[in-house]
PDB file of N, CA and C in Angstrom:
ATOM      1  N   MET A   1       0.831  -1.161   0.000  1.00  0.00           N
ATOM      2  CA  MET A   1       0.000   0.000   0.000  1.00  0.00           C
ATOM      3  C   MET A   1       0.887   1.241   0.000  1.00  0.00           C
ATOM      4  N   SER A   2       0.712   2.034  -0.970  1.00  0.00           N
ATOM      5  CA  SER A   2       1.513   3.245  -1.126  1.00  0.00           C
ATOM      6  C   SER A   2       0.829   4.415  -0.442  1.00  0.00           C
ATOM      7  N   ARG A   3       1.586   5.160   0.287  1.00  0.00           N
ATOM      8  CA  ARG A   3       1.033   6.334   0.968  1.00  0.00           C
ATOM      9  C   ARG A   3       1.448   7.574   0.218  1.00  0.00           C
ATOM     10  N   ARG A   4       0.537   8.502   0.106  1.00  0.00           N
ATOM     11  CA  ARG A   4       0.844   9.779  -0.529  1.00  0.00           C
ATOM     12  C   ARG A   4       1.458  10.682   0.530  1.00  0.00           C
ATOM     13  N   PRO A   5       2.504  11.391   0.160  1.00  0.00           N
ATOM     14  CA  PRO A   5       3.124  12.282   1.156  1.00  0.00           C
ATOM     15  C   PRO A   5       2.185  13.430   1.517  1.00  0.00           C
ATOM     16  N   ASN A   6       2.273  13.836   2.745  1.00  0.00           N
ATOM     17  CA  ASN A   6       1.488  14.971   3.234  1.00  0.00           C
ATOM     18  C   ASN A   6       2.415  16.190   3.261  1.00  0.00           C
ATOM     19  N   PHE A   7       2.127  17.171   2.458  1.00  0.00           N
ATOM     20  CA  PHE A   7       2.964  18.364   2.381  1.00  0.00           C
ATOM     21  C   PHE A   7       2.385  19.497   3.208  1.00  0.00           C
ATOM     22  N   GLY A   8       1.993  19.194   4.409  1.00  0.00           N
ATOM     23  CA  GLY A   8       1.511  20.232   5.314  1.00  0.00           C
ATOM     24  C   GLY A   8       0.267  20.938   4.813  1.00  0.00           C
ATOM     25  N   GLY A   9      -0.675  20.177   4.294  1.00  0.00           N
ATOM     26  CA  GLY A   9      -1.920  20.796   3.870  1.00  0.00           C
ATOM     27  C   GLY A   9      -1.846  21.432   2.495  1.00  0.00           C
ATOM     28  N   MET A  10      -0.889  21.064   1.693  1.00  0.00           N
ATOM     29  CA  MET A  10      -0.738  21.656   0.367  1.00  0.00           C
ATOM     30  C   MET A  10      -1.491  20.866  -0.695  1.00  0.00           C
ATOM     31  N   GLY A  11      -2.520  20.136  -0.272  1.00  0.00           N
ATOM     32  CA  GLY A  11      -3.342  19.402  -1.229  1.00  0.00           C
ATOM     33  C   GLY A  11      -4.214  20.380  -1.988  1.00  0.00           C
ATOM     34  N   ALA A  12      -5.423  19.969  -2.289  1.00  0.00           N
ATOM     35  CA  ALA A  12      -6.337  20.819  -3.054  1.00  0.00           C
ATOM     36  C   ALA A  12      -6.619  22.124  -2.332  1.00  0.00           C
ATOM     37  N   MET A  13      -6.852  22.073  -1.040  1.00  0.00           N
ATOM     38  CA  MET A  13      -7.128  23.297  -0.284  1.00  0.00           C
ATOM     39  C   MET A  13      -5.895  24.196  -0.226  1.00  0.00           C
ATOM     40  N   GLY A  14      -4.719  23.591  -0.042  1.00  0.00           N
ATOM     41  CA  GLY A  14      -3.502  24.387   0.007  1.00  0.00           C
ATOM     42  C   GLY A  14      -3.260  25.105  -1.304  1.00  0.00           C
ATOM     43  N   GLY A  15      -3.565  24.441  -2.425  1.00  0.00           N
ATOM     44  CA  GLY A  15      -3.427  25.062  -3.732  1.00  0.00           C
ATOM     45  C   GLY A  15      -4.350  26.253  -3.887  1.00  0.00           C
ATOM     46  N   MET A  16      -5.552  26.129  -3.378  1.00  0.00           N
ATOM     47  CA  MET A  16      -6.500  27.242  -3.433  1.00  0.00           C
ATOM     48  C   MET A  16      -5.960  28.415  -2.629  1.00  0.00           C
ATOM     49  N   ASN A  17      -5.427  28.134  -1.463  1.00  0.00           N
ATOM     50  CA  ASN A  17      -4.870  29.202  -0.636  1.00  0.00           C
ATOM     51  C   ASN A  17      -3.680  29.858  -1.327  1.00  0.00           C
ATOM     52  N   MET A  18      -2.870  29.068  -1.967  1.00  0.00           N
ATOM     53  CA  MET A  18      -1.702  29.598  -2.673  1.00  0.00           C
ATOM     54  C   MET A  18      -2.160  30.474  -3.837  1.00  0.00           C
ATOM     55  N   GLN A  19      -3.185  30.035  -4.566  1.00  0.00           N
ATOM     56  CA  GLN A  19      -3.703  30.839  -5.668  1.00  0.00           C
ATOM     57  C   GLN A  19      -4.250  32.163  -5.150  1.00  0.00           C
ATOM     58  N   GLN A  20      -4.955  32.115  -4.037  1.00  0.00           N
ATOM     59  CA  GLN A  20      -5.505  33.334  -3.448  1.00  0.00           C
ATOM     60  C   GLN A  20      -4.375  34.255  -2.996  1.00  0.00           C
ATOM     61  N   MET A  21      -3.347  33.678  -2.402  1.00  0.00           N
ATOM     62  CA  MET A  21      -2.205  34.481  -1.958  1.00  0.00           C
ATOM     63  C   MET A  21      -1.521  35.143  -3.151  1.00  0.00           C
ATOM     64  N   MET A  22      -1.362  34.409  -4.230  1.00  0.00           N
ATOM     65  CA  MET A  22      -0.721  34.963  -5.424  1.00  0.00           C
ATOM     66  C   MET A  22      -1.572  36.088  -6.009  1.00  0.00           C
ATOM     67  N   LYS A  23      -2.879  35.901  -6.003  1.00  0.00           N
ATOM     68  CA  LYS A  23      -3.787  36.923  -6.507  1.00  0.00           C
ATOM     69  C   LYS A  23      -3.686  38.186  -5.658  1.00  0.00           C
ATOM     70  N   GLN A  24      -3.644  38.006  -4.340  1.00  0.00           N
ATOM     71  CA  GLN A  24      -3.507  39.156  -3.440  1.00  0.00           C
ATOM     72  C   GLN A  24      -2.159  39.839  -3.627  1.00  0.00           C
ATOM     73  N   ALA A  25      -1.104  39.052  -3.818  1.00  0.00           N
ATOM     74  CA  ALA A  25       0.227  39.624  -4.016  1.00  0.00           C
ATOM     75  C   ALA A  25       0.278  40.452  -5.300  1.00  0.00           C
ATOM     76  N   LYS A  26      -0.336  39.960  -6.359  1.00  0.00           N
ATOM     77  CA  LYS A  26      -0.367  40.706  -7.622  1.00  0.00           C
ATOM     78  C   LYS A  26      -1.159  42.003  -7.470  1.00  0.00           C
ATOM     79  N   LYS A  27      -2.259  41.924  -6.731  1.00  0.00           N
ATOM     80  CA  LYS A  27      -3.071  43.120  -6.504  1.00  0.00           C
ATOM     81  C   LYS A  27      -2.274  44.152  -5.712  1.00  0.00           C
ATOM     82  N   MET A  28      -1.584  43.684  -4.671  1.00  0.00           N
ATOM     83  CA  MET A  28      -0.786  44.590  -3.852  1.00  0.00           C
ATOM     84  C   MET A  28       0.353  45.196  -4.666  1.00  0.00           C
ATOM     85  N   GLN A  29       0.962  44.395  -5.526  1.00  0.00           N
ATOM     86  CA  GLN A  29       2.044  44.894  -6.382  1.00  0.00           C
ATOM     87  C   GLN A  29       1.528  45.980  -7.323  1.00  0.00           C
ATOM     88  N   ALA A  30       0.346  45.782  -7.877  1.00  0.00           N
ATOM     89  CA  ALA A  30      -0.240  46.785  -8.770  1.00  0.00           C
ATOM     90  C   ALA A  30      -0.565  48.067  -8.000  1.00  0.00           C
ATOM     91  N   GLU A  31      -1.078  47.925  -6.790  1.00  0.00           N
ATOM     92  CA  GLU A  31      -1.390  49.095  -5.964  1.00  0.00           C
ATOM     93  C   GLU A  31      -0.120  49.860  -5.607  1.00  0.00           C
ATOM     94  N   MET A  32       0.945  49.125  -5.290  1.00  0.00           N
ATOM     95  CA  MET A  32       2.219  49.768  -4.967  1.00  0.00           C
ATOM     96  C   MET A  32       2.777  50.514  -6.175  1.00  0.00           C
ATOM     97  N   ALA A  33       2.699  49.911  -7.343  1.00  0.00           N
ATOM     98  CA  ALA A  33       3.190  50.560  -8.559  1.00  0.00           C
ATOM     99  C   ALA A  33       2.393  51.828  -8.840  1.00  0.00           C
ATOM    100  N   GLU A  34       1.087  51.767  -8.623  1.00  0.00           N
ATOM    101  CA  GLU A  34       0.246  52.943  -8.830  1.00  0.00           C
ATOM    102  C   GLU A  34       0.608  54.051  -7.841  1.00  0.00           C
ATOM    103  N   GLN A  35       0.826  53.672  -6.591  1.00  0.00           N
ATOM    104  CA  GLN A  35       1.194  54.656  -5.570  1.00  0.00           C
ATOM    105  C   GLN A  35       2.551  55.276  -5.895  1.00  0.00           C
ATOM    106  N   GLN A  36       3.496  54.450  -6.331  1.00  0.00           N
ATOM    107  CA  GLN A  36       4.819  54.959  -6.688  1.00  0.00           C
ATOM    108  C   GLN A  36       4.733  55.909  -7.873  1.00  0.00           C
ATOM    109  N   ALA A  37       3.891  55.593  -8.847  1.00  0.00           N
ATOM    110  CA  ALA A  37       3.716  56.477 -10.002  1.00  0.00           C
ATOM    111  C   ALA A  37       3.125  57.818  -9.569  1.00  0.00           C
ATOM    112  N   THR A  38       2.207  57.772  -8.608  1.00  0.00           N
ATOM    113  CA  THR A  38       1.618  59.004  -8.083  1.00  0.00           C
ATOM    114  C   THR A  38       2.683  59.864  -7.415  1.00  0.00           C
ATOM    115  N   ILE A  39       3.536  59.237  -6.626  1.00  0.00           N
ATOM    116  CA  ILE A  39       4.610  59.972  -5.944  1.00  0.00           C
ATOM    117  C   ILE A  39       5.595  60.538  -6.966  1.00  0.00           C
ATOM    118  N   THR A  40       5.954  59.741  -7.954  1.00  0.00           N
ATOM    119  CA  THR A  40       6.911  60.173  -8.977  1.00  0.00           C
ATOM    120  C   THR A  40       6.396  61.390  -9.738  1.00  0.00           C
ATOM    121  N   ALA A  41       5.100  61.455  -9.961  1.00  0.00           N
ATOM    122  CA  ALA A  41       4.514  62.563 -10.722  1.00  0.00           C
ATOM    123  C   ALA A  41       4.417  63.856  -9.913  1.00  0.00           C
ATOM    124  N   GLN A  42       4.598  63.760  -8.614  1.00  0.00           N
ATOM    125  CA  GLN A  42       4.480  64.938  -7.762  1.00  0.00           C
ATOM    126  C   GLN A  42       5.772  65.748  -7.754  1.00  0.00           C
ATOM    127  N   SER A  43       5.651  66.967  -7.266  1.00  0.00           N
ATOM    128  CA  SER A  43       6.789  67.868  -7.111  1.00  0.00           C
ATOM    129  C   SER A  43       6.980  68.123  -5.612  1.00  0.00           C
ATOM    130  N   PHE A  44       8.221  68.113  -5.165  1.00  0.00           N
ATOM    131  CA  PHE A  44       8.546  68.310  -3.762  1.00  0.00           C
ATOM    132  C   PHE A  44       9.572  69.429  -3.633  1.00  0.00           C
ATOM    133  N   THR A  45       9.364  70.311  -2.679  1.00  0.00           N
ATOM    134  CA  THR A  45      10.274  71.435  -2.489  1.00  0.00           C
ATOM    135  C   THR A  45      10.810  71.449  -1.073  1.00  0.00           C
ATOM    136  N   GLY A  46      12.105  71.614  -0.995  1.00  0.00           N
ATOM    137  CA  GLY A  46      12.769  71.821   0.280  1.00  0.00           C
ATOM    138  C   GLY A  46      13.237  73.259   0.340  1.00  0.00           C
ATOM    139  N   GLU A  47      13.137  73.839   1.520  1.00  0.00           N
ATOM    140  CA  GLU A  47      13.486  75.243   1.694  1.00  0.00           C
ATOM    141  C   GLU A  47      14.462  75.358   2.856  1.00  0.00           C
ATOM    142  N   SER A  48      15.516  76.150   2.663  1.00  0.00           N
ATOM    143  CA  SER A  48      16.458  76.357   3.749  1.00  0.00           C
ATOM    144  C   SER A  48      15.754  77.035   4.920  1.00  0.00           C
ATOM    145  N   ALA A  49      16.356  76.950   6.078  1.00  0.00           N
ATOM    146  CA  ALA A  49      15.727  77.445   7.304  1.00  0.00           C
ATOM    147  C   ALA A  49      15.274  78.895   7.190  1.00  0.00           C
ATOM    148  N   ASP A  50      16.032  79.706   6.483  1.00  0.00           N
ATOM    149  CA  ASP A  50      15.682  81.130   6.366  1.00  0.00           C
ATOM    150  C   ASP A  50      14.893  81.442   5.091  1.00  0.00           C
ATOM    151  N   GLY A  51      14.635  80.406   4.276  1.00  0.00           N
ATOM    152  CA  GLY A  51      13.848  80.587   3.067  1.00  0.00           C
ATOM    153  C   GLY A  51      14.599  81.199   1.894  1.00  0.00           C
ATOM    154  N   LEU A  52      15.907  81.346   2.011  1.00  0.00           N
ATOM    155  CA  LEU A  52      16.680  81.984   0.943  1.00  0.00           C
ATOM    156  C   LEU A  52      16.992  81.036  -0.220  1.00  0.00           C
ATOM    157  N   VAL A  53      16.915  79.735   0.025  1.00  0.00           N
ATOM    158  CA  VAL A  53      17.189  78.753  -1.023  1.00  0.00           C
ATOM    159  C   VAL A  53      16.049  77.743  -1.050  1.00  0.00           C
ATOM    160  N   LYS A  54      15.564  77.453  -2.268  1.00  0.00           N
ATOM    161  CA  LYS A  54      14.513  76.458  -2.454  1.00  0.00           C
ATOM    162  C   LYS A  54      14.963  75.469  -3.518  1.00  0.00           C
ATOM    163  N   ALA A  55      14.849  74.186  -3.198  1.00  0.00           N
ATOM    164  CA  ALA A  55      15.212  73.128  -4.144  1.00  0.00           C
ATOM    165  C   ALA A  55      13.961  72.303  -4.433  1.00  0.00           C
ATOM    166  N   THR A  56      13.672  72.100  -5.719  1.00  0.00           N
ATOM    167  CA  THR A  56      12.482  71.359  -6.126  1.00  0.00           C
ATOM    168  C   THR A  56      12.897  70.069  -6.824  1.00  0.00           C
ATOM    169  N   PHE A  57      12.198  68.997  -6.470  1.00  0.00           N
ATOM    170  CA  PHE A  57      12.493  67.666  -6.984  1.00  0.00           C
ATOM    171  C   PHE A  57      11.234  67.016  -7.541  1.00  0.00           C
ATOM    172  N   THR A  58      11.442  66.055  -8.431  1.00  0.00           N
ATOM    173  CA  THR A  58      10.364  65.155  -8.810  1.00  0.00           C
ATOM    174  C   THR A  58      10.337  64.047  -7.761  1.00  0.00           C
ATOM    175  N   GLY A  59       9.252  63.277  -7.757  1.00  0.00           N
ATOM    176  CA  GLY A  59       9.124  62.196  -6.786  1.00  0.00           C
ATOM    177  C   GLY A  59      10.153  61.097  -6.953  1.00  0.00           C
ATOM    178  N   ASP A  60      10.809  61.041  -8.109  1.00  0.00           N
ATOM    179  CA  ASP A  60      11.879  60.056  -8.278  1.00  0.00           C
ATOM    180  C   ASP A  60      13.254  60.672  -8.012  1.00  0.00           C
ATOM    181  N   ARG A  61      13.249  61.744  -7.203  1.00  0.00           N
ATOM    182  CA  ARG A  61      14.450  62.339  -6.628  1.00  0.00           C
ATOM    183  C   ARG A  61      15.339  63.076  -7.632  1.00  0.00           C
ATOM    184  N   LYS A  62      14.758  63.591  -8.699  1.00  0.00           N
ATOM    185  CA  LYS A  62      15.534  64.388  -9.659  1.00  0.00           C
ATOM    186  C   LYS A  62      15.353  65.865  -9.323  1.00  0.00           C
ATOM    187  N   LEU A  63      16.451  66.562  -9.195  1.00  0.00           N
ATOM    188  CA  LEU A  63      16.427  67.990  -8.933  1.00  0.00           C
ATOM    189  C   LEU A  63      15.972  68.698 -10.211  1.00  0.00           C
ATOM    190  N   THR A  64      14.887  69.471 -10.114  1.00  0.00           N
ATOM    191  CA  THR A  64      14.350  70.135 -11.301  1.00  0.00           C
ATOM    192  C   THR A  64      14.517  71.649 -11.261  1.00  0.00           C
ATOM    193  N   ASP A  65      14.702  72.197 -10.064  1.00  0.00           N
ATOM    194  CA  ASP A  65      14.821  73.647  -9.963  1.00  0.00           C
ATOM    195  C   ASP A  65      15.502  73.991  -8.647  1.00  0.00           C
ATOM    196  N   ILE A  66      16.250  75.063  -8.685  1.00  0.00           N
ATOM    197  CA  ILE A  66      16.833  75.597  -7.461  1.00  0.00           C
ATOM    198  C   ILE A  66      16.752  77.109  -7.559  1.00  0.00           C
ATOM    199  N   LYS A  67      16.204  77.705  -6.529  1.00  0.00           N
ATOM    200  CA  LYS A  67      16.066  79.160  -6.485  1.00  0.00           C
ATOM    201  C   LYS A  67      16.907  79.685  -5.329  1.00  0.00           C
ATOM    202  N   ILE A  68      17.707  80.700  -5.634  1.00  0.00           N
ATOM    203  CA  ILE A  68      18.582  81.302  -4.630  1.00  0.00           C
ATOM    204  C   ILE A  68      18.279  82.791  -4.580  1.00  0.00           C
ATOM    205  N   ALA A  69      17.852  83.247  -3.424  1.00  0.00           N
ATOM    206  CA  ALA A  69      17.558  84.668  -3.250  1.00  0.00           C
ATOM    207  C   ALA A  69      18.858  85.455  -3.274  1.00  0.00           C
ATOM    208  N   ALA A  70      18.802  86.674  -3.782  1.00  0.00           N
ATOM    209  CA  ALA A  70      19.992  87.524  -3.866  1.00  0.00           C
ATOM    210  C   ALA A  70      20.629  87.724  -2.492  1.00  0.00           C
ATOM    211  N   ALA A  71      19.812  87.773  -1.462  1.00  0.00           N
ATOM    212  CA  ALA A  71      20.332  87.976  -0.106  1.00  0.00           C
ATOM    213  C   ALA A  71      21.225  86.830   0.352  1.00  0.00           C
ATOM    214  N   ALA A  72      21.107  85.665  -0.297  1.00  0.00           N
ATOM    215  CA  ALA A  72      21.919  84.510   0.083  1.00  0.00           C
ATOM    216  C   ALA A  72      23.312  84.551  -0.530  1.00  0.00           C
ATOM    217  N   ILE A  73      23.522  85.451  -1.481  1.00  0.00           N
ATOM    218  CA  ILE A  73      24.792  85.495  -2.206  1.00  0.00           C
ATOM    219  C   ILE A  73      25.694  86.566  -1.593  1.00  0.00           C
ATOM    220  N   ASP A  74      26.592  86.090  -0.797  1.00  0.00           N
ATOM    221  CA  ASP A  74      27.573  86.974  -0.155  1.00  0.00           C
ATOM    222  C   ASP A  74      28.950  86.524  -0.625  1.00  0.00           C
ATOM    223  N   PRO A  75      29.617  87.312  -1.478  1.00  0.00           N
ATOM    224  CA  PRO A  75      30.915  86.900  -2.004  1.00  0.00           C
ATOM    225  C   PRO A  75      31.958  86.669  -0.907  1.00  0.00           C
ATOM    226  N   ASP A  76      31.746  87.261   0.251  1.00  0.00           N
ATOM    227  CA  ASP A  76      32.693  87.082   1.345  1.00  0.00           C
ATOM    228  C   ASP A  76      32.386  85.840   2.190  1.00  0.00           C
ATOM    229  N   ASP A  77      31.249  85.184   1.915  1.00  0.00           N
ATOM    230  CA  ASP A  77      30.865  84.024   2.721  1.00  0.00           C
ATOM    231  C   ASP A  77      30.218  82.937   1.851  1.00  0.00           C
ATOM    232  N   PRO A  78      31.020  82.330   0.954  1.00  0.00           N
ATOM    233  CA  PRO A  78      30.450  81.285   0.098  1.00  0.00           C
ATOM    234  C   PRO A  78      29.995  80.056   0.882  1.00  0.00           C
ATOM    235  N   ASP A  79      30.590  79.832   2.042  1.00  0.00           N
ATOM    236  CA  ASP A  79      30.198  78.675   2.860  1.00  0.00           C
ATOM    237  C   ASP A  79      28.733  78.767   3.291  1.00  0.00           C
ATOM    238  N   MET A  80      28.260  79.982   3.561  1.00  0.00           N
ATOM    239  CA  MET A  80      26.874  80.144   3.969  1.00  0.00           C
ATOM    240  C   MET A  80      25.935  79.682   2.850  1.00  0.00           C
ATOM    241  N   LEU A  81      26.225  80.085   1.612  1.00  0.00           N
ATOM    242  CA  LEU A  81      25.385  79.685   0.486  1.00  0.00           C
ATOM    243  C   LEU A  81      25.420  78.166   0.308  1.00  0.00           C
ATOM    244  N   GLN A  82      26.587  77.588   0.431  1.00  0.00           N
ATOM    245  CA  GLN A  82      26.697  76.132   0.330  1.00  0.00           C
ATOM    246  C   GLN A  82      25.832  75.452   1.396  1.00  0.00           C
ATOM    247  N   ASP A  83      25.886  75.944   2.615  1.00  0.00           N
ATOM    248  CA  ASP A  83      25.089  75.371   3.702  1.00  0.00           C
ATOM    249  C   ASP A  83      23.597  75.514   3.436  1.00  0.00           C
ATOM    250  N   LEU A  84      23.192  76.660   2.903  1.00  0.00           N
ATOM    251  CA  LEU A  84      21.775  76.871   2.591  1.00  0.00           C
ATOM    252  C   LEU A  84      21.301  75.915   1.500  1.00  0.00           C
ATOM    253  N   ILE A  85      22.131  75.698   0.500  1.00  0.00           N
ATOM    254  CA  ILE A  85      21.776  74.777  -0.584  1.00  0.00           C
ATOM    255  C   ILE A  85      21.658  73.357  -0.049  1.00  0.00           C
ATOM    256  N   ILE A  86      22.621  72.940   0.737  1.00  0.00           N
ATOM    257  CA  ILE A  86      22.583  71.594   1.327  1.00  0.00           C
ATOM    258  C   ILE A  86      21.329  71.425   2.179  1.00  0.00           C
ATOM    259  N   ASP A  87      20.998  72.433   2.973  1.00  0.00           N
ATOM    260  CA  ASP A  87      19.818  72.382   3.827  1.00  0.00           C
ATOM    261  C   ASP A  87      18.548  72.225   2.986  1.00  0.00           C
ATOM    262  N   ALA A  88      18.416  73.025   1.948  1.00  0.00           N
ATOM    263  CA  ALA A  88      17.228  72.964   1.095  1.00  0.00           C
ATOM    264  C   ALA A  88      17.125  71.619   0.376  1.00  0.00           C
ATOM    265  N   VAL A  89      18.235  71.137  -0.149  1.00  0.00           N
ATOM    266  CA  VAL A  89      18.237  69.860  -0.870  1.00  0.00           C
ATOM    267  C   VAL A  89      17.856  68.722   0.075  1.00  0.00           C
ATOM    268  N   ASN A  90      18.459  68.687   1.244  1.00  0.00           N
ATOM    269  CA  ASN A  90      18.153  67.621   2.193  1.00  0.00           C
ATOM    270  C   ASN A  90      16.691  67.657   2.631  1.00  0.00           C
ATOM    271  N   LYS A  91      16.143  68.835   2.806  1.00  0.00           N
ATOM    272  CA  LYS A  91      14.728  68.948   3.194  1.00  0.00           C
ATOM    273  C   LYS A  91      13.807  68.502   2.059  1.00  0.00           C
ATOM    274  N   GLY A  92      14.167  68.809   0.832  1.00  0.00           N
ATOM    275  CA  GLY A  92      13.378  68.348  -0.308  1.00  0.00           C
ATOM    276  C   GLY A  92      13.379  66.831  -0.409  1.00  0.00           C
ATOM    277  N   LEU A  93      14.544  66.233  -0.241  1.00  0.00           N
ATOM    278  CA  LEU A  93      14.642  64.773  -0.279  1.00  0.00           C
ATOM    279  C   LEU A  93      13.870  64.142   0.886  1.00  0.00           C
ATOM    280  N   ALA A  94      13.899  64.791   2.036  1.00  0.00           N
ATOM    281  CA  ALA A  94      13.147  64.288   3.190  1.00  0.00           C
ATOM    282  C   ALA A  94      11.642  64.321   2.916  1.00  0.00           C
ATOM    283  N   GLU A  95      11.188  65.329   2.177  1.00  0.00           N
ATOM    284  CA  GLU A  95       9.769  65.401   1.818  1.00  0.00           C
ATOM    285  C   GLU A  95       9.378  64.209   0.931  1.00  0.00           C
ATOM    286  N   ILE A  96      10.250  63.856   0.010  1.00  0.00           N
ATOM    287  CA  ILE A  96       9.991  62.694  -0.845  1.00  0.00           C
ATOM    288  C   ILE A  96       9.925  61.433   0.009  1.00  0.00           C
ATOM    289  N   ASP A  97      10.868  61.305   0.938  1.00  0.00           N
ATOM    290  CA  ASP A  97      10.878  60.133   1.819  1.00  0.00           C
ATOM    291  C   ASP A  97       9.596  60.046   2.641  1.00  0.00           C
ATOM    292  N   ARG A  98       9.130  61.173   3.162  1.00  0.00           N
ATOM    293  CA  ARG A  98       7.887  61.177   3.944  1.00  0.00           C
ATOM    294  C   ARG A  98       6.690  60.759   3.085  1.00  0.00           C
ATOM    295  N   ALA A  99       6.619  61.283   1.871  1.00  0.00           N
ATOM    296  CA  ALA A  99       5.514  60.934   0.983  1.00  0.00           C
ATOM    297  C   ALA A  99       5.574  59.456   0.601  1.00  0.00           C
ATOM    298  N   THR A 100       6.768  58.969   0.360  1.00  0.00           N
ATOM    299  CA  THR A 100       6.933  57.562   0.009  1.00  0.00           C
ATOM    300  C   THR A 100       6.509  56.675   1.171  1.00  0.00           C
ATOM    301  N   GLN A 101       6.944  57.016   2.367  1.00  0.00           N
ATOM    302  CA  GLN A 101       6.575  56.235   3.546  1.00  0.00           C
ATOM    303  C   GLN A 101       5.069  56.291   3.780  1.00  0.00           C
ATOM    304  N   ALA A 102       4.479  57.454   3.610  1.00  0.00           N
ATOM    305  CA  ALA A 102       3.036  57.594   3.812  1.00  0.00           C
ATOM    306  C   ALA A 102       2.260  56.791   2.769  1.00  0.00           C
ATOM    307  N   GLY A 103       2.741  56.789   1.540  1.00  0.00           N
ATOM    308  CA  GLY A 103       2.024  56.108   0.466  1.00  0.00           C
ATOM    309  C   GLY A 103       2.283  54.618   0.391  1.00  0.00           C
ATOM    310  N   LEU A 104       3.506  54.209   0.678  1.00  0.00           N
ATOM    311  CA  LEU A 104       3.868  52.801   0.523  1.00  0.00           C
ATOM    312  C   LEU A 104       4.082  52.084   1.844  1.00  0.00           C
ATOM    313  N   GLY A 105       4.097  52.814   2.939  1.00  0.00           N
ATOM    314  CA  GLY A 105       4.376  52.222   4.245  1.00  0.00           C
ATOM    315  C   GLY A 105       3.440  51.109   4.622  1.00  0.00           C
ATOM    316  N   LYS A 106       2.181  51.195   4.213  1.00  0.00           N
ATOM    317  CA  LYS A 106       1.224  50.148   4.567  1.00  0.00           C
ATOM    318  C   LYS A 106       1.577  48.830   3.891  1.00  0.00           C
ATOM    319  N   TYR A 107       2.334  48.896   2.801  1.00  0.00           N
ATOM    320  CA  TYR A 107       2.748  47.683   2.109  1.00  0.00           C
ATOM    321  C   TYR A 107       4.095  47.172   2.607  1.00  0.00           C
ATOM    322  N   THR A 108       4.955  48.082   2.982  1.00  0.00           N
ATOM    323  CA  THR A 108       6.318  47.700   3.332  1.00  0.00           C
ATOM    324  C   THR A 108       6.554  47.567   4.827  1.00  0.00           C
ATOM    325  N   LYS A 109       5.621  48.042   5.619  1.00  0.00           N
ATOM    326  CA  LYS A 109       5.726  47.967   7.085  1.00  0.00           C
ATOM    327  C   LYS A 109       7.051  48.525   7.581  1.00  0.00           C
ATOM    328  N   GLY A 110       7.425  49.711   7.077  1.00  0.00           N
ATOM    329  CA  GLY A 110       8.624  50.382   7.565  1.00  0.00           C
ATOM    330  C   GLY A 110       9.923  49.953   6.919  1.00  0.00           C
ATOM    331  N   LEU A 111       9.881  49.128   5.877  1.00  0.00           N
ATOM    332  CA  LEU A 111      11.110  48.680   5.232  1.00  0.00           C
ATOM    333  C   LEU A 111      11.742  49.745   4.364  1.00  0.00           C
ATOM    334  N   ILE A 112      10.957  50.761   3.954  1.00  0.00           N
ATOM    335  CA  ILE A 112      11.527  51.813   3.109  1.00  0.00           C
ATOM    336  C   ILE A 112      11.629  53.099   3.892  1.00  0.00           C
TER     337      ILE A 112
END
């Protein structure tokens, strides 16, 4: 008498569960792609603490614009302008990260 191996419930019912899981995974993947496309299409702006420099990005982290107020340009203090640019850029990127986490966090559970 030959016995069929038991694969932990992976018979007919297990196959149904696997099919359902795959269907849910595909749906979640499509939702994530849609959310990512929404974020990519958005514009994000970071502004230095004093508002003298503004950096604008697309949702896929491409710098599209940078505005520097005349008051930020001091020929005797180029380090200040560099710091303002870094501050604005980092804040813009942080905005993208926040939007990504808000939009995709429910799928990734904090992995991104």
